[in-house]
Amino acid sequence: MTVGTVPGTAPINGLVSHWYAQLGELPQPRDCLPGTRDADVCIVGAGLTGLWTAYYLKRADPSLRITVLEAEFAGFGASGRNGGWLSGLLPGSRERLAKLYGREGVIALQAAMNAAVDEVIEVAEREELAAGIVKGGTLRVAGTPAQVRRLRAAVRADHDWGVPEVRLLSADEAARRINVAGVRAAAWTPHCARLQPAALVRGLAATVERMGVTIYENSPVIRIERGSAITHRGVLRAPVVLRATEGFTHGLTGHQRTWLPMNSSMIVTERLPAATWQRIGWHGGETLGDTAHGHMYAQRTEDDRIAIGGRGVPYRFASRTDSYGRTQERTVRLLRDVLERMLPQTRGVGVDHAWCGVLAVPRDWCATVGLDRASGLGWAGGYVGHGVTSTNLAGRTLCDLVLRRETELTGLPWVGHRPRGWEPEPLRWLGVRGLYLAYRLADWHESRGLRGTSPIATVANLITRRP
């Protein structure tokens, strides 16, 4: 299916993501599972977690028979829809993990995340994955007194957790990078690169196939058991079965409350002319975020657009997902308003594409990786929106666990972490919707000049255990 915009027409809404539109077409489907088959390792889910795991396993032991089962096509989920931040942001609360597993382990996990940014870049170069990667770091801006206080606290925390490279910037220093309106202060970290996510996941899928990994698409797994993954098309039998289903985990029997599928939405502008970029700046490839509770994330794309995202409608009742990415018109308007408020140089610029996707959120907002050696069942995910880099670290960690290698990665504190499940409906719907309503109210409260974090947000964080 070819996707793209025609000048003068309404923006595309859905069709997975702009990233696939930029590539010109959705992938041609691979074969589905042709009945019962055997493998040494079965991986459920052909997103970045599953593909990175297959990549490192096959490099470590080329004799392994590895099969990946995918419900739609490789990269259909968050891996092909995200904001394109290859970031060292930890997928969870450093403080919470430290209480459970110790401070030194969390410092090691943060260092491993930062190193994984460069690992992905190195693999992309080695395997010739043309994903438009530019390592320009992340600029995070603060526009209210309360946001400035949170930003300064966050920079101090980064330094305490072993990331002294993070720098606090003045408003003038921030404007020399990106001319965002109303900025009072900013912070910059080098540990991030922007990329084209669909190009990365499509290239990685082709790479593992060339290495001898089998990928079956249009083969949704309905249940995982010891030694097998069951589909309507047959059973994939393997002594090791790894779950890499992220935001679609709720569709597996017995996992309806394991992780919550959190919705996130994006829009992308038309190409901006050189004169507009001169007024905006943004020449260093930085990703851009803010310090609001209802946060935004953005990048200047390889083809000179601005892609910007935020939560929109964060959760649909009973974990429903809009699988092909259509998002609400009010969310498109909200994101457009955020863009024009932060970058008024974009007023009047057209929006070419809008879409959404789901990310997985564990009950304690901390990602997890593990393998039960007795049953051969493993898992990775719950990246709370920081998955582009985390998937690589998780894939390498699963590789070591499957091969029974005790390494620095297998000793990291997210390995074997088991958060409790989410509450049943309607409690989780009420909780999540209430959380983001509280965040919108807190941002409004702080915009009135409040110097500290709004108590509305503080109470919401305590109730939901969000970091």
Protein backbone atom coordinates (compact mmCIF):
# COMPACT_ATOMS: atom_id res chain seq x y z
CA MET A 1 0.00 0.00 0.00
CA THR A 2 1.51 3.33 -1.03
CA VAL A 3 1.06 6.18 1.43
CA GLY A 4 1.79 9.88 1.17
CA THR A 5 0.21 13.31 1.05
CA VAL A 6 -1.00 15.33 -1.90
CA PRO A 7 -0.47 19.11 -1.66
CA GLY A 8 -3.65 20.93 -0.66
CA THR A 9 -5.40 17.88 0.81
CA ALA A 10 -6.22 17.06 4.43
CA PRO A 11 -3.44 15.35 6.41
CA ILE A 12 -3.28 11.59 6.45
CA ASN A 13 -4.60 10.22 9.73
CA GLY A 14 -3.41 6.75 10.61
CA LEU A 15 -1.97 4.30 8.05
CA VAL A 16 0.48 3.28 10.79
CA SER A 17 2.80 6.34 10.72
CA HIS A 18 4.46 9.10 8.72
CA TRP A 19 7.69 7.13 8.95
CA TYR A 20 6.26 4.50 6.61
CA ALA A 21 4.81 7.19 4.37
CA GLN A 22 8.28 8.65 4.08
CA LEU A 23 9.60 5.27 2.95
CA GLY A 24 6.91 5.25 0.27
CA GLU A 25 4.86 2.16 1.11
CA LEU A 26 3.95 -0.29 3.82
CA PRO A 27 6.10 -3.43 3.77
CA GLN A 28 5.14 -6.31 1.53
CA PRO A 29 3.89 -9.07 3.86
CA ARG A 30 6.10 -12.04 4.60
CA ASP A 31 4.71 -15.57 4.71
CA CYS A 32 2.53 -16.55 7.64
CA LEU A 33 3.25 -19.57 9.84
CA PRO A 34 2.50 -22.61 7.62
CA GLY A 35 1.33 -24.97 10.33
CA THR A 36 3.22 -26.49 13.23
CA ARG A 37 6.99 -25.95 13.15
CA ASP A 38 9.99 -26.39 15.44
CA ALA A 39 12.80 -24.01 16.43
CA ASP A 40 15.48 -23.62 19.05
CA VAL A 41 14.25 -20.15 20.01
CA CYS A 42 10.81 -18.68 19.34
CA ILE A 43 10.42 -14.91 19.65
CA VAL A 44 6.88 -13.51 19.80
CA GLY A 45 6.82 -10.02 18.32
CA ALA A 46 8.86 -8.57 15.45
CA GLY A 47 9.43 -5.13 16.85
CA LEU A 48 12.81 -3.85 17.94
CA THR A 49 12.95 -6.03 21.08
CA GLY A 50 12.37 -9.23 19.15
CA LEU A 51 14.61 -8.27 16.24
CA TRP A 52 17.52 -7.12 18.40
CA THR A 53 17.28 -10.35 20.39
CA ALA A 54 17.35 -12.40 17.19
CA TYR A 55 20.26 -10.35 15.86
CA TYR A 56 22.51 -10.85 18.87
CA LEU A 57 21.58 -14.51 19.33
CA LYS A 58 22.36 -15.29 15.70
CA ARG A 59 25.69 -13.43 15.87
CA ALA A 60 26.62 -15.30 19.05
CA ASP A 61 25.55 -18.75 17.76
CA PRO A 62 24.84 -18.96 14.01
CA SER A 63 23.66 -22.57 14.40
CA LEU A 64 20.57 -21.57 16.39
CA ARG A 65 17.24 -22.02 14.62
CA ILE A 66 15.44 -18.79 15.49
CA THR A 67 11.87 -18.04 14.45
CA VAL A 68 10.03 -14.76 15.03
CA LEU A 69 6.22 -14.70 15.01
CA GLU A 70 4.50 -11.38 14.24
CA ALA A 71 0.78 -10.57 14.31
CA GLU A 72 0.98 -7.94 11.54
CA PHE A 73 4.32 -7.01 9.96
CA ALA A 74 7.77 -6.35 11.41
CA GLY A 75 7.76 -2.88 12.98
CA PHE A 76 3.97 -2.51 12.97
CA GLY A 77 3.76 -1.42 16.61
CA ALA A 78 5.65 1.22 18.57
CA SER A 79 8.92 0.36 16.82
CA GLY A 80 7.63 1.94 13.61
CA ARG A 81 5.56 4.76 15.13
CA ASN A 82 7.67 6.34 17.87
CA GLY A 83 9.23 9.80 18.07
CA GLY A 84 12.63 8.65 16.86
CA TRP A 85 14.55 9.34 20.08
CA LEU A 86 17.52 6.98 20.47
CA SER A 87 17.88 8.16 24.05
CA GLY A 88 19.71 7.14 27.20
CA LEU A 89 16.64 7.92 29.31
CA LEU A 90 16.11 5.11 31.79
CA PRO A 91 12.82 3.19 31.28
CA GLY A 92 11.75 3.50 34.88
CA SER A 93 12.41 5.15 38.21
CA ARG A 94 16.04 5.16 39.32
CA GLU A 95 14.97 5.81 42.90
CA ARG A 96 12.47 2.94 42.95
CA LEU A 97 14.92 0.45 41.46
CA ALA A 98 17.65 1.60 43.85
CA LYS A 99 15.39 0.91 46.86
CA LEU A 100 14.84 -2.62 45.59
CA TYR A 101 18.25 -3.53 44.18
CA GLY A 102 20.80 -0.98 45.35
CA ARG A 103 22.22 2.29 44.09
CA GLU A 104 25.29 0.89 42.32
CA GLY A 105 23.19 -1.40 40.17
CA VAL A 106 21.06 1.51 38.98
CA ILE A 107 24.15 3.57 38.17
CA ALA A 108 25.37 0.61 36.11
CA LEU A 109 22.00 0.38 34.36
CA GLN A 110 22.08 4.08 33.50
CA ALA A 111 25.61 3.73 32.12
CA ALA A 112 24.51 0.73 30.05
CA MET A 113 21.61 2.73 28.63
CA ASN A 114 23.91 5.57 27.61
CA ALA A 115 26.33 3.10 26.02
CA ALA A 116 23.45 1.45 24.14
CA VAL A 117 22.89 4.69 22.21
CA ASP A 118 26.34 4.30 20.66
CA GLU A 119 25.85 0.55 20.23
CA VAL A 120 22.81 1.11 18.01
CA ILE A 121 24.71 3.70 15.98
CA GLU A 122 27.62 1.27 15.53
CA VAL A 123 25.34 -1.57 14.41
CA ALA A 124 23.51 0.75 12.01
CA GLU A 125 26.82 1.67 10.42
CA ARG A 126 28.08 -1.92 10.30
CA GLU A 127 24.87 -3.33 8.83
CA GLU A 128 24.22 -0.29 6.60
CA LEU A 129 20.87 0.52 8.17
CA ALA A 130 20.00 3.87 6.56
CA ALA A 131 17.97 5.31 9.43
CA GLY A 132 18.94 8.98 9.27
CA ILE A 133 20.76 8.85 12.61
CA VAL A 134 22.26 12.08 13.93
CA LYS A 135 23.60 12.18 17.49
CA GLY A 136 22.78 15.73 18.56
CA GLY A 137 21.69 15.08 22.13
CA THR A 138 18.45 16.25 23.73
CA LEU A 139 17.44 19.81 24.60
CA ARG A 140 14.85 19.91 27.39
CA VAL A 141 13.27 23.31 28.00
CA ALA A 142 11.45 24.90 30.94
CA GLY A 143 8.95 27.72 30.51
CA THR A 144 7.55 28.35 34.00
CA PRO A 145 9.16 28.85 37.43
CA ALA A 146 7.95 25.40 38.53
CA GLN A 147 9.40 23.78 35.43
CA VAL A 148 12.73 25.52 36.00
CA ARG A 149 12.89 24.10 39.53
CA ARG A 150 12.09 20.59 38.24
CA LEU A 151 14.65 20.94 35.48
CA ARG A 152 17.42 21.98 37.87
CA ALA A 153 16.51 19.12 40.19
CA ALA A 154 16.61 16.70 37.26
CA VAL A 155 20.08 17.90 36.24
CA ARG A 156 21.35 17.47 39.82
CA ALA A 157 19.83 13.98 39.87
CA ASP A 158 21.54 13.06 36.59
CA HIS A 159 24.86 14.13 38.06
CA ASP A 160 24.18 12.08 41.21
CA TRP A 161 23.37 9.02 39.07
CA GLY A 162 26.66 9.18 37.19
CA VAL A 163 25.78 11.37 34.22
CA PRO A 164 27.84 14.55 34.76
CA GLU A 165 27.72 15.37 31.03
CA VAL A 166 24.21 16.81 31.40
CA ARG A 167 24.45 20.61 31.30
CA LEU A 168 22.12 23.32 32.55
CA LEU A 169 21.71 26.09 29.95
CA SER A 170 20.51 29.67 30.16
CA ALA A 171 17.65 30.88 27.99
CA ASP A 172 20.14 32.50 25.60
CA GLU A 173 22.24 29.33 25.35
CA ALA A 174 19.09 27.29 24.61
CA ALA A 175 17.96 29.76 21.93
CA ARG A 176 21.28 29.37 20.13
CA ARG A 177 20.35 25.70 19.68
CA ILE A 178 16.59 25.96 19.10
CA ASN A 179 14.69 29.23 19.31
CA VAL A 180 11.79 28.03 21.48
CA ALA A 181 9.45 30.75 22.73
CA GLY A 182 9.17 31.53 26.43
CA VAL A 183 12.14 29.48 27.60
CA ARG A 184 13.53 30.40 31.03
CA ALA A 185 16.14 27.64 31.25
CA ALA A 186 17.08 24.40 29.52
CA ALA A 187 19.22 21.30 29.91
CA TRP A 188 21.20 19.40 27.31
CA THR A 189 22.44 15.83 27.36
CA PRO A 190 24.64 14.26 24.68
CA HIS A 191 23.09 10.83 25.15
CA CYS A 192 20.49 10.91 22.38
CA ALA A 193 20.30 10.67 18.61
CA ARG A 194 17.37 11.34 16.31
CA LEU A 195 16.50 8.67 13.78
CA GLN A 196 13.84 7.42 11.36
CA PRO A 197 12.29 4.54 13.33
CA ALA A 198 10.57 2.69 10.48
CA ALA A 199 13.80 2.68 8.49
CA LEU A 200 15.67 1.25 11.48
CA VAL A 201 13.21 -1.56 12.19
CA ARG A 202 12.72 -2.44 8.51
CA GLY A 203 16.47 -2.57 7.96
CA LEU A 204 17.00 -4.68 11.07
CA ALA A 205 14.31 -7.17 9.98
CA ALA A 206 16.00 -7.58 6.60
CA THR A 207 19.36 -7.99 8.31
CA VAL A 208 18.28 -10.82 10.61
CA GLU A 209 16.64 -12.59 7.68
CA ARG A 210 19.93 -12.47 5.76
CA MET A 211 21.55 -13.99 8.84
CA GLY A 212 19.16 -16.95 8.69
CA VAL A 213 16.39 -15.94 11.10
CA THR A 214 12.86 -16.87 9.99
CA ILE A 215 10.12 -14.23 10.35
CA TYR A 216 6.48 -15.25 9.96
CA GLU A 217 4.02 -12.35 9.68
CA ASN A 218 0.22 -12.22 9.93
CA SER A 219 0.60 -14.94 12.54
CA PRO A 220 -0.81 -13.58 15.82
CA VAL A 221 0.06 -15.60 18.90
CA ILE A 222 -2.90 -16.10 21.18
CA ARG A 223 -1.19 -18.02 23.98
CA ILE A 224 2.33 -18.78 25.18
CA GLU A 225 3.01 -21.99 27.06
CA ARG A 226 6.08 -23.87 28.15
CA GLY A 227 7.72 -25.05 24.96
CA SER A 228 5.29 -23.49 22.50
CA ALA A 229 3.62 -20.39 21.06
CA ILE A 230 0.08 -21.11 19.86
CA THR A 231 -1.50 -19.38 16.86
CA HIS A 232 -4.62 -20.08 14.80
CA ARG A 233 -2.30 -21.12 11.99
CA GLY A 234 -0.31 -23.65 13.98
CA VAL A 235 2.06 -24.08 16.88
CA LEU A 236 5.68 -23.00 17.03
CA ARG A 237 7.48 -25.44 19.32
CA ALA A 238 10.72 -24.38 20.97
CA PRO A 239 12.48 -24.96 24.29
CA VAL A 240 12.87 -21.17 24.64
CA VAL A 241 9.94 -18.83 23.99
CA LEU A 242 10.51 -15.10 24.42
CA ARG A 243 7.70 -12.57 24.73
CA ALA A 244 8.50 -9.25 23.02
CA THR A 245 5.02 -7.83 22.49
CA GLU A 246 5.24 -4.49 24.38
CA GLY A 247 1.97 -2.50 24.02
CA PHE A 248 0.09 -5.50 22.56
CA THR A 249 0.89 -7.85 25.47
CA HIS A 250 -2.68 -7.58 26.78
CA GLY A 251 -3.87 -9.65 23.80
CA LEU A 252 -2.12 -12.78 25.06
CA THR A 253 -4.08 -15.18 27.23
CA GLY A 254 -3.28 -14.52 30.89
CA HIS A 255 -1.61 -11.15 30.28
CA GLN A 256 -4.58 -8.79 30.20
CA ARG A 257 -3.28 -6.91 33.26
CA THR A 258 0.48 -7.43 32.87
CA TRP A 259 1.19 -4.09 31.17
CA LEU A 260 -1.08 -1.19 30.34
CA PRO A 261 -1.11 -0.07 26.66
CA MET A 262 -0.57 3.69 26.93
CA ASN A 263 -1.55 5.69 23.88
CA SER A 264 0.75 8.34 22.40
CA SER A 265 0.04 10.49 19.35
CA MET A 266 2.14 12.38 16.82
CA ILE A 267 1.86 14.84 13.97
CA VAL A 268 4.40 15.83 11.36
CA THR A 269 4.48 19.11 9.47
CA GLU A 270 5.04 19.70 5.82
CA ARG A 271 8.63 20.43 4.81
CA LEU A 272 9.72 23.79 6.15
CA PRO A 273 11.58 26.26 3.92
CA ALA A 274 15.13 27.36 4.67
CA ALA A 275 13.94 30.82 5.78
CA THR A 276 11.81 29.26 8.54
CA TRP A 277 14.70 27.13 9.72
CA GLN A 278 16.84 30.24 9.93
CA ARG A 279 14.35 31.69 12.42
CA ILE A 280 14.04 28.44 14.38
CA GLY A 281 17.66 27.29 14.32
CA TRP A 282 17.72 23.57 15.20
CA HIS A 283 20.77 22.82 13.10
CA GLY A 284 22.41 20.31 15.44
CA GLY A 285 20.07 17.33 15.18
CA GLU A 286 18.90 17.69 18.79
CA THR A 287 15.70 16.08 19.95
CA LEU A 288 13.45 18.50 21.84
CA GLY A 289 11.40 17.95 24.98
CA ASP A 290 9.82 20.06 27.69
CA THR A 291 9.38 19.86 31.46
CA ALA A 292 5.59 19.99 31.63
CA HIS A 293 3.67 17.15 33.26
CA GLY A 294 1.83 16.46 29.99
CA HIS A 295 5.15 16.40 28.19
CA MET A 296 5.89 16.74 24.48
CA TYR A 297 8.71 15.29 22.37
CA ALA A 298 9.90 16.38 18.96
CA GLN A 299 12.59 16.11 16.34
CA ARG A 300 13.65 17.88 13.16
CA THR A 301 13.35 15.10 10.64
CA GLU A 302 15.89 14.13 8.02
CA ASP A 303 13.69 15.73 5.35
CA ASP A 304 13.25 19.06 7.23
CA ARG A 305 9.88 18.60 8.91
CA ILE A 306 9.01 18.80 12.59
CA ALA A 307 7.58 15.63 14.14
CA ILE A 308 5.99 16.30 17.53
CA GLY A 309 4.16 13.99 19.91
CA GLY A 310 2.30 13.83 23.20
CA ARG A 311 -0.22 11.69 25.06
CA GLY A 312 -3.55 12.89 23.57
CA VAL A 313 -6.11 10.34 24.80
CA PRO A 314 -3.75 8.26 26.94
CA TYR A 315 -5.75 5.08 27.44
CA ARG A 316 -8.78 3.39 25.93
CA PHE A 317 -11.16 1.37 28.08
CA ALA A 318 -10.33 -2.35 28.41
CA SER A 319 -6.90 -1.83 26.79
CA ARG A 320 -8.35 -1.29 23.32
CA THR A 321 -5.92 -0.15 20.65
CA ASP A 322 -6.47 1.56 17.31
CA SER A 323 -4.08 -0.70 15.49
CA TYR A 324 -3.58 1.28 12.28
CA GLY A 325 -2.88 4.48 14.13
CA ARG A 326 -5.85 6.76 13.56
CA THR A 327 -5.92 9.47 16.23
CA GLN A 328 -8.56 11.93 17.40
CA GLU A 329 -8.93 15.30 15.66
CA ARG A 330 -8.83 17.09 19.00
CA THR A 331 -5.44 15.48 19.66
CA VAL A 332 -4.17 16.74 16.31
CA ARG A 333 -5.35 20.24 17.25
CA LEU A 334 -3.72 19.96 20.68
CA LEU A 335 -0.37 18.97 19.22
CA ARG A 336 -0.62 21.72 16.64
CA ASP A 337 -1.29 24.23 19.43
CA VAL A 338 1.71 22.99 21.41
CA LEU A 339 3.93 23.28 18.33
CA GLU A 340 2.81 26.83 17.54
CA ARG A 341 3.10 27.93 21.17
CA MET A 342 6.65 26.64 21.47
CA LEU A 343 7.72 27.51 17.93
CA PRO A 344 5.53 30.40 16.71
CA GLN A 345 7.68 30.46 13.57
CA THR A 346 5.55 27.48 12.42
CA ARG A 347 2.20 29.30 12.42
CA GLY A 348 0.46 28.63 9.13
CA VAL A 349 2.60 25.59 8.36
CA GLY A 350 0.60 22.58 7.17
CA VAL A 351 0.35 19.23 8.95
CA ASP A 352 0.93 16.30 6.60
CA HIS A 353 0.28 13.27 8.80
CA ALA A 354 -1.12 12.33 12.21
CA TRP A 355 -0.96 8.93 13.88
CA CYS A 356 -0.86 7.16 17.23
CA GLY A 357 0.47 3.99 18.82
CA VAL A 358 0.70 2.24 22.15
CA LEU A 359 3.58 1.82 24.55
CA ALA A 360 3.64 -0.58 27.49
CA VAL A 361 3.54 0.66 31.09
CA PRO A 362 4.10 -1.73 34.02
CA ARG A 363 2.23 -0.96 37.24
CA ASP A 364 5.37 0.48 38.87
CA TRP A 365 6.52 2.25 35.65
CA CYS A 366 9.76 0.20 35.54
CA ALA A 367 10.76 -1.93 32.54
CA THR A 368 11.78 -5.54 32.99
CA VAL A 369 13.78 -8.30 31.28
CA GLY A 370 13.93 -11.92 32.33
CA LEU A 371 14.10 -15.62 31.54
CA ASP A 372 12.75 -18.46 33.67
CA ARG A 373 15.28 -21.17 32.95
CA ALA A 374 13.02 -23.92 34.32
CA SER A 375 10.24 -23.22 31.82
CA GLY A 376 12.25 -21.54 29.05
CA LEU A 377 9.83 -18.62 29.03
CA GLY A 378 11.35 -15.15 28.78
CA TRP A 379 10.20 -11.58 28.32
CA ALA A 380 11.32 -8.00 27.87
CA GLY A 381 9.43 -4.72 27.74
CA GLY A 382 7.40 -2.16 29.63
CA TYR A 383 9.66 0.64 28.40
CA VAL A 384 7.27 3.48 29.37
CA GLY A 385 8.02 5.37 26.16
CA HIS A 386 11.82 5.03 26.23
CA GLY A 387 12.05 1.92 24.11
CA VAL A 388 14.16 2.76 21.07
CA THR A 389 17.39 2.35 23.03
CA SER A 390 16.05 0.05 25.76
CA THR A 391 15.10 -2.57 23.18
CA ASN A 392 18.74 -2.91 22.16
CA LEU A 393 19.93 -3.34 25.74
CA ALA A 394 17.08 -5.79 26.38
CA GLY A 395 17.93 -7.79 23.25
CA ARG A 396 21.56 -8.15 24.27
CA THR A 397 20.51 -9.08 27.79
CA LEU A 398 18.07 -11.75 26.59
CA CYS A 399 20.82 -13.12 24.36
CA ASP A 400 23.09 -13.59 27.37
CA LEU A 401 20.27 -15.12 29.43
CA VAL A 402 19.33 -17.60 26.70
CA LEU A 403 22.96 -18.64 26.23
CA ARG A 404 23.37 -18.95 30.01
CA ARG A 405 26.17 -16.39 30.12
CA GLU A 406 26.67 -14.45 33.35
CA THR A 407 27.67 -10.97 32.24
CA GLU A 408 27.46 -7.38 33.41
CA LEU A 409 24.16 -7.12 31.53
CA THR A 410 22.53 -10.09 33.26
CA GLY A 411 23.38 -8.51 36.62
CA LEU A 412 21.57 -5.24 35.93
CA PRO A 413 18.66 -4.50 38.29
CA TRP A 414 15.89 -4.69 35.70
CA VAL A 415 16.71 -8.37 35.07
CA GLY A 416 14.10 -10.53 36.77
CA HIS A 417 12.14 -7.52 38.03
CA ARG A 418 8.47 -8.47 38.39
CA PRO A 419 6.02 -5.61 39.02
CA ARG A 420 2.51 -6.50 40.07
CA GLY A 421 -0.33 -6.38 37.57
CA TRP A 422 -2.71 -3.50 36.91
CA GLU A 423 -6.10 -3.20 38.55
CA PRO A 424 -9.15 -4.58 36.73
CA GLU A 425 -11.49 -2.32 34.81
CA PRO A 426 -12.95 0.17 35.35
CA LEU A 427 -10.35 1.05 37.98
CA ARG A 428 -7.39 1.32 35.63
CA TRP A 429 -9.36 3.39 33.09
CA LEU A 430 -10.49 5.76 35.82
CA GLY A 431 -6.98 5.92 37.26
CA VAL A 432 -5.16 6.69 34.01
CA ARG A 433 -7.73 9.16 32.75
CA GLY A 434 -7.72 10.85 36.15
CA LEU A 435 -3.92 10.96 36.15
CA TYR A 436 -3.65 12.84 32.88
CA LEU A 437 -6.53 15.14 33.74
CA ALA A 438 -4.61 15.98 36.91
CA TYR A 439 -1.47 16.66 34.88
CA ARG A 440 -3.32 19.04 32.56
CA LEU A 441 -4.70 20.88 35.60
CA ALA A 442 -1.24 20.93 37.18
CA ASP A 443 0.32 22.43 34.04
CA TRP A 444 -2.40 25.11 33.99
CA HIS A 445 -1.83 25.76 37.71
CA GLU A 446 1.91 26.17 37.18
CA SER A 447 1.39 28.43 34.16
CA ARG A 448 -0.19 30.96 36.55
CA GLY A 449 3.21 31.57 38.13
CA LEU A 450 3.39 28.85 40.80
CA ARG A 451 7.04 28.53 41.81
CA GLY A 452 7.01 24.88 42.81
CA THR A 453 5.48 21.74 41.36
CA SER A 454 1.70 21.82 41.59
CA PRO A 455 0.41 19.73 44.52
CA ILE A 456 -2.11 18.26 42.06
CA ALA A 457 0.73 16.55 40.17
CA THR A 458 2.46 15.51 43.39
CA VAL A 459 -0.65 13.75 44.66
CA ALA A 460 -1.28 12.14 41.24
CA ASN A 461 2.25 10.73 41.18
CA LEU A 462 1.91 9.32 44.68
CA ILE A 463 -1.40 7.61 43.89
CA THR A 464 -0.26 6.09 40.58
CA ARG A 465 3.37 5.42 41.61
CA ARG A 466 4.57 7.20 38.49
CA PRO A 467 8.20 8.42 38.83
